[in-house]
């Protein structure tokens, strides 16, 4: 019995060391790249009108941002900042009503804008413009067109 115990004590450490070496060689067989990112195909830029534009820019005093939403957390603030920058060079006044609700006054157009990222390379945006009577005067959706381009296409920043 003693010979069996001594034999197991001397043989088992060599057997365990052999197993450890085999395991280590199996772990380091292949390297893979973790930071690869696949991008979806870019959709064409499109502006689809839902309701035709019935705004008369000569009668508009200014615009009020009623609601701006974005799927990305910081996107909302960035969009509001872009609105403010684009309206600096226009004759229209821009009021940020997203923090403090504004009463509906005659001569102002109220903007509701919502952006949804479809995937990592495309986004859809819906735009609704309402008058002081809360009636929609212009509505459209866009695909892959930013705020600056939209405001130029509908004639606000190019007025």
N, C-alpha and C. Protein backbone atom coordinates (compact mmCIF):
# COMPACT_ATOMS: atom_id res chain seq x y z
N UNK A 1 0.81 -1.19 0.00
CA UNK A 1 0.00 0.00 0.00
C UNK A 1 0.86 1.26 0.00
N UNK A 2 1.95 1.23 0.79
CA UNK A 2 2.84 2.39 0.83
C UNK A 2 3.49 2.63 -0.52
N UNK A 3 3.84 1.56 -1.21
CA UNK A 3 4.48 1.70 -2.52
C UNK A 3 3.51 2.36 -3.50
N UNK A 4 2.23 2.01 -3.41
CA UNK A 4 1.23 2.60 -4.28
C UNK A 4 1.07 4.09 -4.03
N UNK A 5 1.04 4.50 -2.76
CA UNK A 5 0.91 5.92 -2.41
C UNK A 5 2.14 6.69 -2.87
N UNK A 6 3.36 6.16 -2.63
CA UNK A 6 4.58 6.84 -3.08
C UNK A 6 4.62 6.95 -4.60
N UNK A 7 4.18 5.91 -5.28
CA UNK A 7 4.18 5.92 -6.74
C UNK A 7 3.21 7.00 -7.26
N UNK A 8 2.04 7.10 -6.67
CA UNK A 8 1.06 8.11 -7.09
C UNK A 8 1.55 9.53 -6.79
N UNK A 9 2.23 9.71 -5.66
CA UNK A 9 2.75 11.03 -5.33
C UNK A 9 3.84 11.47 -6.29
N UNK A 10 4.69 10.53 -6.75
CA UNK A 10 5.76 10.90 -7.67
C UNK A 10 5.27 11.03 -9.11
N UNK A 11 4.31 10.25 -9.50
CA UNK A 11 3.84 10.26 -10.89
C UNK A 11 2.83 11.38 -11.12
N UNK A 12 1.93 11.66 -10.18
CA UNK A 12 0.87 12.65 -10.39
C UNK A 12 1.39 14.06 -10.65
N UNK A 13 2.48 14.56 -9.98
CA UNK A 13 2.93 15.91 -10.33
C UNK A 13 3.40 16.02 -11.77
N UNK A 14 4.06 14.97 -12.30
CA UNK A 14 4.52 15.02 -13.69
C UNK A 14 3.33 14.96 -14.65
N UNK A 15 2.31 14.18 -14.25
CA UNK A 15 1.13 14.07 -15.09
C UNK A 15 0.37 15.41 -15.14
N UNK A 16 0.25 16.12 -14.00
CA UNK A 16 -0.42 17.42 -13.92
C UNK A 16 0.34 18.46 -14.73
N UNK A 17 1.67 18.48 -14.63
CA UNK A 17 2.48 19.45 -15.38
C UNK A 17 2.28 19.23 -16.87
N UNK A 18 2.23 18.01 -17.30
CA UNK A 18 1.99 17.70 -18.71
C UNK A 18 0.63 18.20 -19.16
N UNK A 19 -0.39 18.07 -18.31
CA UNK A 19 -1.72 18.55 -18.65
C UNK A 19 -1.75 20.08 -18.74
N UNK A 20 -1.05 20.76 -17.85
CA UNK A 20 -1.01 22.24 -17.87
C UNK A 20 -0.35 22.72 -19.15
N UNK A 21 0.73 22.10 -19.56
CA UNK A 21 1.41 22.52 -20.78
C UNK A 21 0.52 22.30 -22.00
N UNK A 22 -0.21 21.21 -22.04
CA UNK A 22 -1.10 20.95 -23.16
C UNK A 22 -2.22 21.99 -23.21
N UNK A 23 -2.76 22.36 -22.07
CA UNK A 23 -3.84 23.34 -22.02
C UNK A 23 -3.34 24.70 -22.49
N UNK A 24 -2.17 25.10 -22.09
CA UNK A 24 -1.65 26.40 -22.49
C UNK A 24 -1.42 26.47 -23.98
N UNK A 25 -0.95 25.43 -24.60
CA UNK A 25 -0.74 25.47 -26.04
C UNK A 25 -2.06 25.51 -26.80
N UNK A 26 -3.12 24.93 -26.24
CA UNK A 26 -4.41 24.95 -26.90
C UNK A 26 -5.03 26.35 -26.84
N UNK A 27 -4.81 27.12 -25.81
CA UNK A 27 -5.40 28.44 -25.65
C UNK A 27 -4.83 29.43 -26.65
N UNK A 28 -3.55 29.41 -26.90
CA UNK A 28 -2.88 30.40 -27.75
C UNK A 28 -2.77 29.95 -29.19
N UNK A 29 -3.77 29.30 -29.73
CA UNK A 29 -3.70 28.79 -31.08
C UNK A 29 -4.04 29.87 -32.11
N UNK A 30 -5.08 30.68 -31.86
CA UNK A 30 -5.58 31.60 -32.88
C UNK A 30 -5.83 32.99 -32.31
N UNK A 31 -5.46 34.03 -33.05
CA UNK A 31 -5.77 35.41 -32.69
C UNK A 31 -6.93 35.90 -33.56
N UNK A 32 -7.85 36.64 -32.97
CA UNK A 32 -8.95 37.22 -33.74
C UNK A 32 -9.01 38.72 -33.47
N UNK A 33 -9.54 39.47 -34.41
CA UNK A 33 -9.70 40.91 -34.26
C UNK A 33 -11.06 41.18 -33.65
N UNK A 34 -11.10 41.93 -32.54
CA UNK A 34 -12.35 42.20 -31.83
C UNK A 34 -12.99 43.49 -32.32
N UNK A 35 -12.23 44.49 -32.72
CA UNK A 35 -12.75 45.82 -33.00
C UNK A 35 -13.21 46.02 -34.44
N UNK A 36 -13.53 44.95 -35.17
CA UNK A 36 -14.07 45.12 -36.50
C UNK A 36 -15.52 45.56 -36.40
N UNK A 37 -15.92 46.48 -37.27
CA UNK A 37 -17.30 46.95 -37.26
C UNK A 37 -17.83 46.95 -38.68
N UNK A 38 -18.93 46.27 -38.90
CA UNK A 38 -19.55 46.23 -40.21
C UNK A 38 -20.55 47.36 -40.32
N UNK A 39 -20.53 48.05 -41.46
CA UNK A 39 -21.46 49.14 -41.70
C UNK A 39 -22.53 48.68 -42.69
N UNK A 40 -23.75 49.11 -42.45
CA UNK A 40 -24.84 48.79 -43.37
C UNK A 40 -24.69 49.64 -44.63
N UNK A 41 -25.33 49.21 -45.69
CA UNK A 41 -25.30 49.99 -46.93
C UNK A 41 -26.02 51.31 -46.71
N UNK A 42 -25.46 52.37 -47.26
CA UNK A 42 -26.03 53.71 -47.12
C UNK A 42 -27.22 53.85 -48.06
N UNK A 43 -28.37 54.22 -47.51
CA UNK A 43 -29.56 54.44 -48.32
C UNK A 43 -29.46 55.80 -49.01
N UNK A 44 -30.12 55.98 -50.15
CA UNK A 44 -30.07 57.28 -50.82
C UNK A 44 -30.80 58.35 -50.00
N UNK A 45 -30.33 59.60 -50.13
CA UNK A 45 -30.96 60.72 -49.42
C UNK A 45 -32.29 61.05 -50.10
N UNK A 46 -33.36 61.07 -49.29
CA UNK A 46 -34.71 61.27 -49.84
C UNK A 46 -35.50 62.20 -48.93
N UNK A 47 -36.29 63.10 -49.56
CA UNK A 47 -37.24 63.94 -48.83
C UNK A 47 -38.63 63.63 -49.38
N UNK A 48 -39.47 63.01 -48.56
CA UNK A 48 -40.84 62.65 -48.96
C UNK A 48 -41.84 63.57 -48.29
N UNK A 49 -42.56 64.35 -49.09
CA UNK A 49 -43.58 65.25 -48.55
C UNK A 49 -44.83 64.48 -48.17
N UNK A 50 -45.33 64.74 -46.98
CA UNK A 50 -46.59 64.16 -46.53
C UNK A 50 -47.72 65.16 -46.78
N UNK A 51 -47.46 66.41 -46.39
CA UNK A 51 -48.40 67.50 -46.66
C UNK A 51 -47.61 68.63 -47.31
N UNK A 52 -48.05 69.13 -48.45
CA UNK A 52 -47.30 70.19 -49.15
C UNK A 52 -47.17 71.47 -48.31
N UNK A 53 -46.14 72.22 -48.61
CA UNK A 53 -45.84 73.44 -47.88
C UNK A 53 -46.89 74.52 -48.18
N UNK A 54 -47.55 74.99 -47.13
CA UNK A 54 -48.51 76.08 -47.28
C UNK A 54 -48.10 77.30 -46.45
N UNK A 55 -46.83 77.33 -46.04
CA UNK A 55 -46.33 78.47 -45.27
C UNK A 55 -46.00 79.62 -46.22
N UNK A 56 -46.32 80.82 -45.81
CA UNK A 56 -45.92 82.01 -46.54
C UNK A 56 -44.81 82.66 -45.71
N UNK A 57 -43.57 82.51 -46.16
CA UNK A 57 -42.43 82.99 -45.38
C UNK A 57 -42.46 84.50 -45.15
N UNK A 58 -43.16 85.25 -45.99
CA UNK A 58 -43.26 86.70 -45.80
C UNK A 58 -44.09 87.05 -44.56
N UNK A 59 -44.99 86.17 -44.16
CA UNK A 59 -45.85 86.42 -43.00
C UNK A 59 -45.33 85.79 -41.72
N UNK A 60 -44.26 85.01 -41.83
CA UNK A 60 -43.71 84.30 -40.66
C UNK A 60 -42.73 85.20 -39.92
N UNK A 61 -42.97 85.38 -38.62
CA UNK A 61 -42.06 86.16 -37.77
C UNK A 61 -40.90 85.31 -37.28
N UNK A 62 -41.21 84.05 -36.98
CA UNK A 62 -40.18 83.18 -36.45
C UNK A 62 -40.67 81.76 -36.30
N UNK A 63 -39.78 80.92 -35.78
CA UNK A 63 -40.07 79.51 -35.58
C UNK A 63 -39.82 79.15 -34.12
N UNK A 64 -40.59 78.19 -33.64
CA UNK A 64 -40.46 77.72 -32.25
C UNK A 64 -40.22 76.21 -32.29
N UNK A 65 -39.14 75.77 -31.66
CA UNK A 65 -38.89 74.33 -31.54
C UNK A 65 -39.75 73.81 -30.40
N UNK A 66 -40.74 73.01 -30.73
CA UNK A 66 -41.64 72.47 -29.71
C UNK A 66 -41.08 71.18 -29.15
N UNK A 67 -40.65 70.31 -30.04
CA UNK A 67 -40.13 69.01 -29.60
C UNK A 67 -39.05 68.55 -30.56
N UNK A 68 -37.93 68.13 -29.99
CA UNK A 68 -36.83 67.54 -30.76
C UNK A 68 -36.45 66.25 -30.06
N UNK A 69 -36.48 65.16 -30.80
CA UNK A 69 -36.09 63.89 -30.19
C UNK A 69 -35.12 63.16 -31.11
N UNK A 70 -34.27 62.34 -30.49
CA UNK A 70 -33.24 61.60 -31.21
C UNK A 70 -32.96 60.32 -30.45
N UNK A 71 -32.68 59.24 -31.19
CA UNK A 71 -32.42 57.96 -30.52
C UNK A 71 -31.09 57.97 -29.77
N UNK A 72 -30.13 58.78 -30.21
CA UNK A 72 -28.85 58.89 -29.54
C UNK A 72 -28.97 59.94 -28.43
N UNK A 73 -28.44 59.67 -27.24
CA UNK A 73 -28.61 60.57 -26.09
C UNK A 73 -28.17 62.01 -26.37
N UNK A 74 -26.98 62.20 -26.88
CA UNK A 74 -26.47 63.54 -27.11
C UNK A 74 -26.98 64.18 -28.39
N UNK A 75 -27.70 63.43 -29.20
CA UNK A 75 -28.16 63.92 -30.49
C UNK A 75 -29.15 65.06 -30.39
N UNK A 76 -29.99 65.05 -29.38
CA UNK A 76 -31.01 66.09 -29.20
C UNK A 76 -30.36 67.46 -29.01
N UNK A 77 -29.40 67.54 -28.11
CA UNK A 77 -28.71 68.82 -27.86
C UNK A 77 -27.96 69.29 -29.10
N UNK A 78 -27.37 68.35 -29.82
CA UNK A 78 -26.63 68.70 -31.02
C UNK A 78 -27.56 69.26 -32.10
N UNK A 79 -28.74 68.68 -32.23
CA UNK A 79 -29.71 69.17 -33.22
C UNK A 79 -30.20 70.57 -32.86
N UNK A 80 -30.50 70.81 -31.58
CA UNK A 80 -30.95 72.13 -31.15
C UNK A 80 -29.86 73.17 -31.41
N UNK A 81 -28.62 72.81 -31.14
CA UNK A 81 -27.48 73.71 -31.41
C UNK A 81 -27.38 74.02 -32.90
N UNK A 82 -27.57 73.01 -33.74
CA UNK A 82 -27.51 73.22 -35.19
C UNK A 82 -28.64 74.15 -35.64
N UNK A 83 -29.84 73.97 -35.10
CA UNK A 83 -30.96 74.87 -35.42
C UNK A 83 -30.57 76.31 -35.10
N UNK A 84 -30.05 76.54 -33.90
CA UNK A 84 -29.69 77.90 -33.48
C UNK A 84 -28.63 78.51 -34.39
N UNK A 85 -27.63 77.72 -34.77
CA UNK A 85 -26.57 78.23 -35.66
C UNK A 85 -27.12 78.58 -37.03
N UNK A 86 -27.99 77.76 -37.58
CA UNK A 86 -28.53 78.00 -38.92
C UNK A 86 -29.47 79.20 -38.95
N UNK A 87 -30.21 79.46 -37.88
CA UNK A 87 -31.16 80.57 -37.86
C UNK A 87 -30.50 81.93 -37.60
N UNK A 88 -29.22 81.94 -37.20
CA UNK A 88 -28.54 83.21 -36.95
C UNK A 88 -28.45 84.07 -38.21
N UNK A 89 -28.34 83.44 -39.37
CA UNK A 89 -28.16 84.17 -40.62
C UNK A 89 -29.47 84.37 -41.38
N UNK A 90 -30.60 84.18 -40.72
CA UNK A 90 -31.90 84.35 -41.37
C UNK A 90 -32.64 85.52 -40.72
N UNK A 91 -33.65 86.03 -41.40
CA UNK A 91 -34.44 87.11 -40.79
C UNK A 91 -35.45 86.58 -39.76
N UNK A 92 -35.52 85.27 -39.60
CA UNK A 92 -36.49 84.67 -38.69
C UNK A 92 -35.91 84.54 -37.28
N UNK A 93 -36.80 84.65 -36.31
CA UNK A 93 -36.43 84.47 -34.91
C UNK A 93 -36.64 82.99 -34.57
N UNK A 94 -35.72 82.40 -33.81
CA UNK A 94 -35.88 81.02 -33.36
C UNK A 94 -36.01 81.00 -31.85
N UNK A 95 -37.08 80.37 -31.37
CA UNK A 95 -37.31 80.24 -29.93
C UNK A 95 -37.21 78.77 -29.57
N UNK A 96 -36.40 78.47 -28.55
CA UNK A 96 -36.26 77.09 -28.08
C UNK A 96 -37.35 76.82 -27.05
N UNK A 97 -38.42 76.19 -27.48
CA UNK A 97 -39.53 75.87 -26.58
C UNK A 97 -39.46 74.45 -26.06
N UNK A 98 -38.31 73.79 -26.24
CA UNK A 98 -38.20 72.41 -25.77
C UNK A 98 -38.06 72.33 -24.26
N UNK A 99 -37.48 73.35 -23.64
CA UNK A 99 -37.31 73.35 -22.18
C UNK A 99 -38.54 73.95 -21.49
N UNK A 100 -38.97 75.09 -21.99
CA UNK A 100 -40.13 75.78 -21.41
C UNK A 100 -41.19 75.93 -22.50
N UNK A 101 -42.34 75.32 -22.32
CA UNK A 101 -43.39 75.41 -23.35
C UNK A 101 -43.77 76.87 -23.63
N UNK A 102 -43.99 77.16 -24.90
CA UNK A 102 -44.35 78.50 -25.34
C UNK A 102 -45.82 78.52 -25.78
N UNK A 103 -46.51 79.63 -25.51
CA UNK A 103 -47.90 79.73 -25.99
C UNK A 103 -47.90 79.87 -27.52
N UNK A 104 -48.93 79.37 -28.15
CA UNK A 104 -49.04 79.46 -29.61
C UNK A 104 -49.47 80.87 -29.98
N UNK A 105 -48.58 81.60 -30.67
CA UNK A 105 -48.86 82.99 -31.06
C UNK A 105 -48.92 83.10 -32.58
N UNK A 106 -49.72 84.03 -33.04
CA UNK A 106 -49.86 84.23 -34.47
C UNK A 106 -48.54 84.73 -35.07
N UNK A 107 -48.24 84.24 -36.26
CA UNK A 107 -47.02 84.65 -36.95
C UNK A 107 -45.84 83.71 -36.72
N UNK A 108 -46.00 82.75 -35.86
CA UNK A 108 -44.92 81.80 -35.58
C UNK A 108 -45.29 80.41 -36.09
N UNK A 109 -44.29 79.69 -36.52
CA UNK A 109 -44.45 78.31 -36.96
C UNK A 109 -43.78 77.41 -35.92
N UNK A 110 -44.46 76.36 -35.54
CA UNK A 110 -43.99 75.47 -34.47
C UNK A 110 -43.47 74.16 -35.08
N UNK A 111 -42.24 73.79 -34.70
CA UNK A 111 -41.56 72.65 -35.32
C UNK A 111 -41.49 71.47 -34.35
N UNK A 112 -41.88 70.31 -34.85
CA UNK A 112 -41.70 69.04 -34.14
C UNK A 112 -40.81 68.19 -35.03
N UNK A 113 -39.68 67.77 -34.49
CA UNK A 113 -38.70 67.02 -35.27
C UNK A 113 -38.27 65.78 -34.50
N UNK A 114 -38.28 64.64 -35.17
CA UNK A 114 -37.91 63.38 -34.52
C UNK A 114 -36.98 62.58 -35.42
N UNK A 115 -35.83 62.17 -34.88
CA UNK A 115 -34.84 61.42 -35.64
C UNK A 115 -34.70 60.02 -35.06
N UNK A 116 -34.71 59.04 -35.93
CA UNK A 116 -34.53 57.65 -35.52
C UNK A 116 -33.40 57.05 -36.35
N UNK A 117 -32.40 56.50 -35.66
CA UNK A 117 -31.31 55.83 -36.35
C UNK A 117 -31.77 54.42 -36.70
N UNK A 118 -31.78 54.10 -37.98
CA UNK A 118 -32.20 52.78 -38.44
C UNK A 118 -31.12 51.76 -38.12
N UNK A 119 -29.89 52.09 -38.46
CA UNK A 119 -28.74 51.24 -38.16
C UNK A 119 -27.53 52.15 -38.05
N UNK A 120 -26.33 51.60 -38.10
CA UNK A 120 -25.14 52.39 -37.86
C UNK A 120 -24.75 53.31 -39.01
N UNK A 121 -25.52 53.34 -40.10
CA UNK A 121 -25.15 54.18 -41.23
C UNK A 121 -26.33 54.94 -41.84
N UNK A 122 -27.53 54.80 -41.30
CA UNK A 122 -28.73 55.43 -41.87
C UNK A 122 -29.63 55.97 -40.77
N UNK A 123 -30.36 57.04 -41.09
CA UNK A 123 -31.32 57.61 -40.14
C UNK A 123 -32.52 58.19 -40.87
N UNK A 124 -33.67 58.14 -40.22
CA UNK A 124 -34.91 58.74 -40.73
C UNK A 124 -35.32 59.87 -39.81
N UNK A 125 -35.87 60.92 -40.39
CA UNK A 125 -36.33 62.06 -39.60
C UNK A 125 -37.71 62.47 -40.07
N UNK A 126 -38.59 62.73 -39.11
CA UNK A 126 -39.92 63.26 -39.47
C UNK A 126 -39.99 64.70 -39.00
N UNK A 127 -40.56 65.54 -39.83
CA UNK A 127 -40.68 66.97 -39.57
C UNK A 127 -42.15 67.36 -39.68
N UNK A 128 -42.64 68.11 -38.69
CA UNK A 128 -44.00 68.63 -38.72
C UNK A 128 -43.94 70.11 -38.36
N UNK A 129 -44.52 70.94 -39.21
CA UNK A 129 -44.59 72.38 -38.99
C UNK A 129 -46.06 72.74 -38.78
N UNK A 130 -46.36 73.41 -37.67
CA UNK A 130 -47.74 73.80 -37.35
C UNK A 130 -47.85 75.30 -37.19
N UNK A 131 -49.03 75.83 -37.48
CA UNK A 131 -49.26 77.26 -37.29
C UNK A 131 -49.80 77.54 -35.89
N UNK A 132 -50.17 78.78 -35.63
CA UNK A 132 -50.64 79.16 -34.30
C UNK A 132 -51.99 78.52 -33.94
N UNK A 133 -52.71 78.01 -34.94
CA UNK A 133 -53.97 77.32 -34.68
C UNK A 133 -53.75 75.82 -34.49
N UNK A 134 -52.50 75.39 -34.41
CA UNK A 134 -52.09 74.00 -34.23
C UNK A 134 -52.48 73.12 -35.41
N UNK A 135 -52.57 73.74 -36.57
CA UNK A 135 -52.85 73.00 -37.80
C UNK A 135 -51.53 72.79 -38.55
N UNK A 136 -51.39 71.62 -39.11
CA UNK A 136 -50.17 71.29 -39.84
C UNK A 136 -50.13 72.07 -41.16
N UNK A 137 -49.05 72.82 -41.36
CA UNK A 137 -48.89 73.59 -42.59
C UNK A 137 -47.83 72.97 -43.50
N UNK A 138 -47.05 72.05 -42.96
CA UNK A 138 -46.03 71.36 -43.77
C UNK A 138 -45.57 70.14 -42.99
N UNK A 139 -45.48 69.00 -43.67
CA UNK A 139 -45.00 67.78 -43.03
C UNK A 139 -44.26 66.93 -44.05
N UNK A 140 -43.17 66.35 -43.63
CA UNK A 140 -42.39 65.48 -44.52
C UNK A 140 -41.48 64.58 -43.69
N UNK A 141 -40.96 63.55 -44.35
CA UNK A 141 -39.96 62.68 -43.74
C UNK A 141 -38.71 62.71 -44.61
N UNK A 142 -37.58 62.50 -43.98
CA UNK A 142 -36.32 62.45 -44.73
C UNK A 142 -35.55 61.19 -44.36
N UNK A 143 -34.72 60.78 -45.28
CA UNK A 143 -33.79 59.68 -45.03
C UNK A 143 -32.39 60.20 -45.34
N UNK A 144 -31.52 60.14 -44.36
CA UNK A 144 -30.12 60.53 -44.49
C UNK A 144 -29.90 61.97 -44.98
N UNK A 145 -30.75 62.88 -44.53
CA UNK A 145 -30.55 64.31 -44.81
C UNK A 145 -30.50 65.02 -43.47
N UNK A 146 -29.42 65.75 -43.21
CA UNK A 146 -29.24 66.44 -41.94
C UNK A 146 -30.06 67.71 -41.83
N UNK A 147 -30.04 68.30 -40.65
CA UNK A 147 -30.83 69.50 -40.35
C UNK A 147 -30.45 70.65 -41.28
N UNK A 148 -29.16 70.88 -41.46
CA UNK A 148 -28.70 71.99 -42.29
C UNK A 148 -29.22 71.87 -43.72
N UNK A 149 -29.12 70.69 -44.30
CA UNK A 149 -29.58 70.48 -45.67
C UNK A 149 -31.10 70.61 -45.78
N UNK A 150 -31.82 70.10 -44.80
CA UNK A 150 -33.28 70.18 -44.83
C UNK A 150 -33.74 71.63 -44.79
N UNK A 151 -33.17 72.41 -43.87
CA UNK A 151 -33.57 73.82 -43.75
C UNK A 151 -33.27 74.59 -45.05
N UNK A 152 -32.21 74.22 -45.74
CA UNK A 152 -31.90 74.86 -47.01
C UNK A 152 -32.86 74.41 -48.11
N UNK A 153 -33.17 73.11 -48.16
CA UNK A 153 -34.05 72.58 -49.20
C UNK A 153 -35.46 73.14 -49.11
N UNK A 154 -35.96 73.36 -47.89
CA UNK A 154 -37.33 73.87 -47.77
C UNK A 154 -37.38 75.39 -47.78
N UNK A 155 -36.23 76.03 -47.91
CA UNK A 155 -36.19 77.47 -48.14
C UNK A 155 -36.11 78.35 -46.92
N UNK A 156 -35.86 77.82 -45.75
CA UNK A 156 -35.80 78.65 -44.56
C UNK A 156 -34.46 79.38 -44.47
N UNK A 157 -33.36 78.66 -44.62
CA UNK A 157 -32.04 79.31 -44.51
C UNK A 157 -31.62 79.96 -45.82
N UNK A 158 -32.34 79.71 -46.90
CA UNK A 158 -32.02 80.34 -48.18
C UNK A 158 -33.01 81.45 -48.52
N UNK A 159 -33.85 81.84 -47.57
CA UNK A 159 -34.88 82.87 -47.80
C UNK A 159 -34.22 84.21 -48.03
